Amino acid sequence: SVAERIRASFEKLDWRKRNIQQNISPVTLSIGIANYSAGESWENFIQRADRALYSCKNSGRNQVASCSA
């Protein structure tokens, strides 16, 4: 739920190019989440979070997804 609130807040921000103040909204965010399991390698942990992120992107982007062990 924290990641979803971050994603929704990010989408509502007024994004502009600094040098010309041109609006570039909407900017969206996809977040992949994984729970770390005791004894798990960091490499495996990051790979699971990465799979969850790509699941978001392949399902239309601008969303949060988790990946279990």
PDB file of N, CA and C in Angstrom:
ATOM      1  N   SER A   1       0.828  -1.198   0.000  1.00  0.00           N
ATOM      2  CA  SER A   1       0.000   0.000   0.000  1.00  0.00           C
ATOM      3  C   SER A   1       0.872   1.261   0.000  1.00  0.00           C
ATOM      4  N   VAL A   2       2.046   1.203   0.619  1.00  0.00           N
ATOM      5  CA  VAL A   2       2.953   2.353   0.604  1.00  0.00           C
ATOM      6  C   VAL A   2       3.418   2.619  -0.825  1.00  0.00           C
ATOM      7  N   ALA A   3       3.802   1.572  -1.531  1.00  0.00           N
ATOM      8  CA  ALA A   3       4.269   1.736  -2.910  1.00  0.00           C
ATOM      9  C   ALA A   3       3.161   2.298  -3.797  1.00  0.00           C
ATOM     10  N   GLU A   4       1.940   1.879  -3.581  1.00  0.00           N
ATOM     11  CA  GLU A   4       0.817   2.381  -4.374  1.00  0.00           C
ATOM     12  C   GLU A   4       0.588   3.867  -4.094  1.00  0.00           C
ATOM     13  N   ARG A   5       0.721   4.288  -2.853  1.00  0.00           N
ATOM     14  CA  ARG A   5       0.573   5.714  -2.529  1.00  0.00           C
ATOM     15  C   ARG A   5       1.688   6.531  -3.176  1.00  0.00           C
ATOM     16  N   ILE A   6       2.904   5.993  -3.174  1.00  0.00           N
ATOM     17  CA  ILE A   6       4.020   6.672  -3.840  1.00  0.00           C
ATOM     18  C   ILE A   6       3.745   6.794  -5.334  1.00  0.00           C
ATOM     19  N   ARG A   7       3.306   5.708  -5.943  1.00  0.00           N
ATOM     20  CA  ARG A   7       3.010   5.707  -7.379  1.00  0.00           C
ATOM     21  C   ARG A   7       1.939   6.740  -7.724  1.00  0.00           C
ATOM     22  N   ALA A   8       0.854   6.761  -6.965  1.00  0.00           N
ATOM     23  CA  ALA A   8      -0.241   7.699  -7.226  1.00  0.00           C
ATOM     24  C   ALA A   8       0.202   9.145  -7.020  1.00  0.00           C
ATOM     25  N   SER A   9       1.006   9.405  -5.994  1.00  0.00           N
ATOM     26  CA  SER A   9       1.499  10.761  -5.733  1.00  0.00           C
ATOM     27  C   SER A   9       2.424  11.235  -6.846  1.00  0.00           C
ATOM     28  N   PHE A  10       3.272  10.354  -7.303  1.00  0.00           N
ATOM     29  CA  PHE A  10       4.216  10.656  -8.376  1.00  0.00           C
ATOM     30  C   PHE A  10       3.474  11.086  -9.634  1.00  0.00           C
ATOM     31  N   GLU A  11       2.381  10.389  -9.945  1.00  0.00           N
ATOM     32  CA  GLU A  11       1.598  10.664 -11.147  1.00  0.00           C
ATOM     33  C   GLU A  11       0.926  12.044 -11.088  1.00  0.00           C
ATOM     34  N   LYS A  12       0.602  12.514  -9.892  1.00  0.00           N
ATOM     35  CA  LYS A  12      -0.101  13.793  -9.729  1.00  0.00           C
ATOM     36  C   LYS A  12       0.824  15.009  -9.766  1.00  0.00           C
ATOM     37  N   LEU A  13       2.136  14.793  -9.685  1.00  0.00           N
ATOM     38  CA  LEU A  13       3.079  15.908  -9.687  1.00  0.00           C
ATOM     39  C   LEU A  13       3.074  16.641 -11.024  1.00  0.00           C
ATOM     40  N   ASP A  14       3.360  17.922 -10.981  1.00  0.00           N
ATOM     41  CA  ASP A  14       3.432  18.750 -12.176  1.00  0.00           C
ATOM     42  C   ASP A  14       4.878  18.750 -12.668  1.00  0.00           C
ATOM     43  N   TRP A  15       5.169  17.912 -13.632  1.00  0.00           N
ATOM     44  CA  TRP A  15       6.525  17.764 -14.148  1.00  0.00           C
ATOM     45  C   TRP A  15       6.768  18.760 -15.274  1.00  0.00           C
ATOM     46  N   ARG A  16       7.900  19.473 -15.186  1.00  0.00           N
ATOM     47  CA  ARG A  16       8.256  20.466 -16.205  1.00  0.00           C
ATOM     48  C   ARG A  16       9.747  20.374 -16.522  1.00  0.00           C
ATOM     49  N   LYS A  17      10.077  20.664 -17.781  1.00  0.00           N
ATOM     50  CA  LYS A  17      11.483  20.788 -18.165  1.00  0.00           C
ATOM     51  C   LYS A  17      12.000  22.083 -17.564  1.00  0.00           C
ATOM     52  N   ARG A  18      13.106  22.009 -16.843  1.00  0.00           N
ATOM     53  CA  ARG A  18      13.644  23.191 -16.160  1.00  0.00           C
ATOM     54  C   ARG A  18      14.016  24.329 -17.094  1.00  0.00           C
ATOM     55  N   ASN A  19      14.696  24.000 -18.161  1.00  0.00           N
ATOM     56  CA  ASN A  19      15.251  25.059 -19.006  1.00  0.00           C
ATOM     57  C   ASN A  19      14.188  25.858 -19.759  1.00  0.00           C
ATOM     58  N   ILE A  20      13.029  25.252 -20.069  1.00  0.00           N
ATOM     59  CA  ILE A  20      11.998  25.980 -20.821  1.00  0.00           C
ATOM     60  C   ILE A  20      10.641  25.975 -20.117  1.00  0.00           C
ATOM     61  N   GLN A  21      10.563  25.377 -18.945  1.00  0.00           N
ATOM     62  CA  GLN A  21       9.324  25.307 -18.164  1.00  0.00           C
ATOM     63  C   GLN A  21       8.162  24.694 -18.947  1.00  0.00           C
ATOM     64  N   GLN A  22       8.494  23.786 -19.851  1.00  0.00           N
ATOM     65  CA  GLN A  22       7.463  23.091 -20.618  1.00  0.00           C
ATOM     66  C   GLN A  22       6.923  21.938 -19.796  1.00  0.00           C
ATOM     67  N   ASN A  23       5.613  21.805 -19.740  1.00  0.00           N
ATOM     68  CA  ASN A  23       4.969  20.733 -18.994  1.00  0.00           C
ATOM     69  C   ASN A  23       5.225  19.400 -19.699  1.00  0.00           C
ATOM     70  N   ILE A  24       5.659  18.394 -18.938  1.00  0.00           N
ATOM     71  CA  ILE A  24       5.892  17.067 -19.509  1.00  0.00           C
ATOM     72  C   ILE A  24       5.028  16.007 -18.828  1.00  0.00           C
ATOM     73  N   SER A  25       4.002  16.438 -18.125  1.00  0.00           N
ATOM     74  CA  SER A  25       3.084  15.504 -17.470  1.00  0.00           C
ATOM     75  C   SER A  25       2.230  14.831 -18.526  1.00  0.00           C
ATOM     76  N   PRO A  26       1.690  13.668 -18.311  1.00  0.00           N
ATOM     77  CA  PRO A  26       1.866  12.895 -17.093  1.00  0.00           C
ATOM     78  C   PRO A  26       3.125  12.035 -17.139  1.00  0.00           C
ATOM     79  N   VAL A  27       3.768  11.924 -16.019  1.00  0.00           N
ATOM     80  CA  VAL A  27       4.886  11.012 -15.843  1.00  0.00           C
ATOM     81  C   VAL A  27       4.385   9.926 -14.905  1.00  0.00           C
ATOM     82  N   THR A  28       4.572   8.683 -15.285  1.00  0.00           N
ATOM     83  CA  THR A  28       4.068   7.573 -14.478  1.00  0.00           C
ATOM     84  C   THR A  28       5.218   6.754 -13.904  1.00  0.00           C
ATOM     85  N   LEU A  29       4.875   5.870 -12.988  1.00  0.00           N
ATOM     86  CA  LEU A  29       5.870   5.097 -12.253  1.00  0.00           C
ATOM     87  C   LEU A  29       5.376   3.667 -12.084  1.00  0.00           C
ATOM     88  N   SER A  30       6.226   2.717 -12.376  1.00  0.00           N
ATOM     89  CA  SER A  30       5.955   1.314 -12.085  1.00  0.00           C
ATOM     90  C   SER A  30       6.920   0.870 -10.994  1.00  0.00           C
ATOM     91  N   ILE A  31       6.427   0.055 -10.061  1.00  0.00           N
ATOM     92  CA  ILE A  31       7.239  -0.383  -8.930  1.00  0.00           C
ATOM     93  C   ILE A  31       7.139  -1.900  -8.792  1.00  0.00           C
ATOM     94  N   GLY A  32       8.285  -2.554  -8.726  1.00  0.00           N
ATOM     95  CA  GLY A  32       8.342  -3.987  -8.464  1.00  0.00           C
ATOM     96  C   GLY A  32       8.795  -4.229  -7.033  1.00  0.00           C
ATOM     97  N   ILE A  33       8.085  -5.076  -6.320  1.00  0.00           N
ATOM     98  CA  ILE A  33       8.359  -5.315  -4.903  1.00  0.00           C
ATOM     99  C   ILE A  33       8.615  -6.802  -4.664  1.00  0.00           C
ATOM    100  N   ALA A  34       9.575  -7.086  -3.797  1.00  0.00           N
ATOM    101  CA  ALA A  34       9.843  -8.457  -3.355  1.00  0.00           C
ATOM    102  C   ALA A  34      10.179  -8.420  -1.866  1.00  0.00           C
ATOM    103  N   ASN A  35       9.707  -9.393  -1.127  1.00  0.00           N
ATOM    104  CA  ASN A  35      10.080  -9.544   0.288  1.00  0.00           C
ATOM    105  C   ASN A  35      11.378 -10.326   0.358  1.00  0.00           C
ATOM    106  N   TYR A  36      12.304  -9.835   1.178  1.00  0.00           N
ATOM    107  CA  TYR A  36      13.568 -10.541   1.361  1.00  0.00           C
ATOM    108  C   TYR A  36      13.341 -11.736   2.282  1.00  0.00           C
ATOM    109  N   SER A  37      13.797 -12.893   1.876  1.00  0.00           N
ATOM    110  CA  SER A  37      13.718 -14.104   2.686  1.00  0.00           C
ATOM    111  C   SER A  37      15.069 -14.353   3.345  1.00  0.00           C
ATOM    112  N   ALA A  38      15.055 -14.626   4.636  1.00  0.00           N
ATOM    113  CA  ALA A  38      16.298 -14.866   5.374  1.00  0.00           C
ATOM    114  C   ALA A  38      17.132 -15.931   4.662  1.00  0.00           C
ATOM    115  N   GLY A  39      18.395 -15.632   4.460  1.00  0.00           N
ATOM    116  CA  GLY A  39      19.306 -16.569   3.810  1.00  0.00           C
ATOM    117  C   GLY A  39      19.317 -16.476   2.292  1.00  0.00           C
ATOM    118  N   GLU A  40      18.411 -15.720   1.731  1.00  0.00           N
ATOM    119  CA  GLU A  40      18.344 -15.560   0.279  1.00  0.00           C
ATOM    120  C   GLU A  40      19.514 -14.691  -0.191  1.00  0.00           C
ATOM    121  N   SER A  41      20.042 -15.000  -1.356  1.00  0.00           N
ATOM    122  CA  SER A  41      21.112 -14.157  -1.893  1.00  0.00           C
ATOM    123  C   SER A  41      20.514 -12.823  -2.340  1.00  0.00           C
ATOM    124  N   TRP A  42      21.319 -11.765  -2.222  1.00  0.00           N
ATOM    125  CA  TRP A  42      20.857 -10.461  -2.665  1.00  0.00           C
ATOM    126  C   TRP A  42      20.572 -10.479  -4.165  1.00  0.00           C
ATOM    127  N   GLU A  43      21.344 -11.235  -4.891  1.00  0.00           N
ATOM    128  CA  GLU A  43      21.138 -11.343  -6.333  1.00  0.00           C
ATOM    129  C   GLU A  43      19.750 -11.894  -6.646  1.00  0.00           C
ATOM    130  N   ASN A  44      19.355 -12.958  -5.956  1.00  0.00           N
ATOM    131  CA  ASN A  44      18.036 -13.546  -6.174  1.00  0.00           C
ATOM    132  C   ASN A  44      16.928 -12.579  -5.768  1.00  0.00           C
ATOM    133  N   PHE A  45      17.133 -11.892  -4.645  1.00  0.00           N
ATOM    134  CA  PHE A  45      16.166 -10.916  -4.154  1.00  0.00           C
ATOM    135  C   PHE A  45      15.930  -9.814  -5.197  1.00  0.00           C
ATOM    136  N   ILE A  46      17.011  -9.268  -5.730  1.00  0.00           N
ATOM    137  CA  ILE A  46      16.907  -8.207  -6.738  1.00  0.00           C
ATOM    138  C   ILE A  46      16.277  -8.743  -8.020  1.00  0.00           C
ATOM    139  N   GLN A  47      16.611  -9.951  -8.414  1.00  0.00           N
ATOM    140  CA  GLN A  47      16.023 -10.547  -9.616  1.00  0.00           C
ATOM    141  C   GLN A  47      14.511 -10.692  -9.477  1.00  0.00           C
ATOM    142  N   ARG A  48      14.041 -11.069  -8.291  1.00  0.00           N
ATOM    143  CA  ARG A  48      12.593 -11.203  -8.082  1.00  0.00           C
ATOM    144  C   ARG A  48      11.897  -9.848  -8.154  1.00  0.00           C
ATOM    145  N   ALA A  49      12.503  -8.827  -7.558  1.00  0.00           N
ATOM    146  CA  ALA A  49      11.931  -7.474  -7.642  1.00  0.00           C
ATOM    147  C   ALA A  49      11.925  -6.991  -9.091  1.00  0.00           C
ATOM    148  N   ASP A  50      12.980  -7.309  -9.831  1.00  0.00           N
ATOM    149  CA  ASP A  50      13.066  -6.936 -11.242  1.00  0.00           C
ATOM    150  C   ASP A  50      11.978  -7.635 -12.061  1.00  0.00           C
ATOM    151  N   ARG A  51      11.728  -8.913 -11.777  1.00  0.00           N
ATOM    152  CA  ARG A  51      10.646  -9.633 -12.473  1.00  0.00           C
ATOM    153  C   ARG A  51       9.303  -8.979 -12.195  1.00  0.00           C
ATOM    154  N   ALA A  52       9.082  -8.572 -10.961  1.00  0.00           N
ATOM    155  CA  ALA A  52       7.829  -7.904 -10.608  1.00  0.00           C
ATOM    156  C   ALA A  52       7.708  -6.582 -11.363  1.00  0.00           C
ATOM    157  N   LEU A  53       8.810  -5.827 -11.467  1.00  0.00           N
ATOM    158  CA  LEU A  53       8.799  -4.570 -12.205  1.00  0.00           C
ATOM    159  C   LEU A  53       8.434  -4.805 -13.668  1.00  0.00           C
ATOM    160  N   TYR A  54       9.048  -5.794 -14.294  1.00  0.00           N
ATOM    161  CA  TYR A  54       8.749  -6.062 -15.697  1.00  0.00           C
ATOM    162  C   TYR A  54       7.344  -6.611 -15.885  1.00  0.00           C
ATOM    163  N   SER A  55       6.792  -7.249 -14.883  1.00  0.00           N
ATOM    164  CA  SER A  55       5.394  -7.665 -14.922  1.00  0.00           C
ATOM    165  C   SER A  55       4.502  -6.434 -15.032  1.00  0.00           C
ATOM    166  N   CYS A  56       4.826  -5.379 -14.265  1.00  0.00           N
ATOM    167  CA  CYS A  56       4.093  -4.108 -14.356  1.00  0.00           C
ATOM    168  C   CYS A  56       4.179  -3.539 -15.763  1.00  0.00           C
ATOM    169  N   LYS A  57       5.377  -3.472 -16.267  1.00  0.00           N
ATOM    170  CA  LYS A  57       5.586  -2.856 -17.571  1.00  0.00           C
ATOM    171  C   LYS A  57       4.881  -3.634 -18.679  1.00  0.00           C
ATOM    172  N   ASN A  58       4.868  -4.946 -18.575  1.00  0.00           N
ATOM    173  CA  ASN A  58       4.218  -5.770 -19.587  1.00  0.00           C
ATOM    174  C   ASN A  58       2.705  -5.777 -19.458  1.00  0.00           C
ATOM    175  N   SER A  59       2.194  -5.307 -18.318  1.00  0.00           N
ATOM    176  CA  SER A  59       0.746  -5.278 -18.084  1.00  0.00           C
ATOM    177  C   SER A  59       0.168  -3.880 -18.251  1.00  0.00           C
ATOM    178  N   GLY A  60       0.901  -2.982 -18.859  1.00  0.00           N
ATOM    179  CA  GLY A  60       0.365  -1.670 -19.140  1.00  0.00           C
ATOM    180  C   GLY A  60       1.012  -0.526 -18.391  1.00  0.00           C
ATOM    181  N   ARG A  61       1.983  -0.800 -17.552  1.00  0.00           N
ATOM    182  CA  ARG A  61       2.739   0.232 -16.822  1.00  0.00           C
ATOM    183  C   ARG A  61       1.889   0.960 -15.794  1.00  0.00           C
ATOM    184  N   ASN A  62       2.536   1.891 -15.073  1.00  0.00           N
ATOM    185  CA  ASN A  62       1.902   2.729 -14.054  1.00  0.00           C
ATOM    186  C   ASN A  62       1.161   1.904 -13.018  1.00  0.00           C
ATOM    187  N   GLN A  63       1.864   0.958 -12.412  1.00  0.00           N
ATOM    188  CA  GLN A  63       1.259   0.096 -11.404  1.00  0.00           C
ATOM    189  C   GLN A  63       2.321  -0.488 -10.479  1.00  0.00           C
ATOM    190  N   VAL A  64       1.857  -1.176  -9.460  1.00  0.00           N
ATOM    191  CA  VAL A  64       2.729  -1.835  -8.475  1.00  0.00           C
ATOM    192  C   VAL A  64       2.481  -3.332  -8.575  1.00  0.00           C
ATOM    193  N   ALA A  65       3.557  -4.118  -8.566  1.00  0.00           N
ATOM    194  CA  ALA A  65       3.426  -5.574  -8.566  1.00  0.00           C
ATOM    195  C   ALA A  65       4.439  -6.163  -7.600  1.00  0.00           C
ATOM    196  N   SER A  66       4.083  -7.308  -7.025  1.00  0.00           N
ATOM    197  CA  SER A  66       5.001  -8.005  -6.117  1.00  0.00           C
ATOM    198  C   SER A  66       5.319  -9.376  -6.669  1.00  0.00           C
ATOM    199  N   CYS A  67       6.418  -9.917  -6.196  1.00  0.00           N
ATOM    200  CA  CYS A  67       6.865 -11.229  -6.617  1.00  0.00           C
ATOM    201  C   CYS A  67       7.180 -12.041  -5.360  1.00  0.00           C
ATOM    202  N   SER A  68       6.602 -13.216  -5.254  1.00  0.00           N
ATOM    203  CA  SER A  68       6.871 -14.056  -4.081  1.00  0.00           C
ATOM    204  C   SER A  68       8.133 -14.886  -4.308  1.00  0.00           C
ATOM    205  N   ALA A  69       8.596 -15.500  -3.253  1.00  0.00           N
ATOM    206  CA  ALA A  69       9.838 -16.294  -3.305  1.00  0.00           C
ATOM    207  C   ALA A  69       9.729 -17.478  -4.220  1.00  0.00           C
TER     208      ALA A  69
END
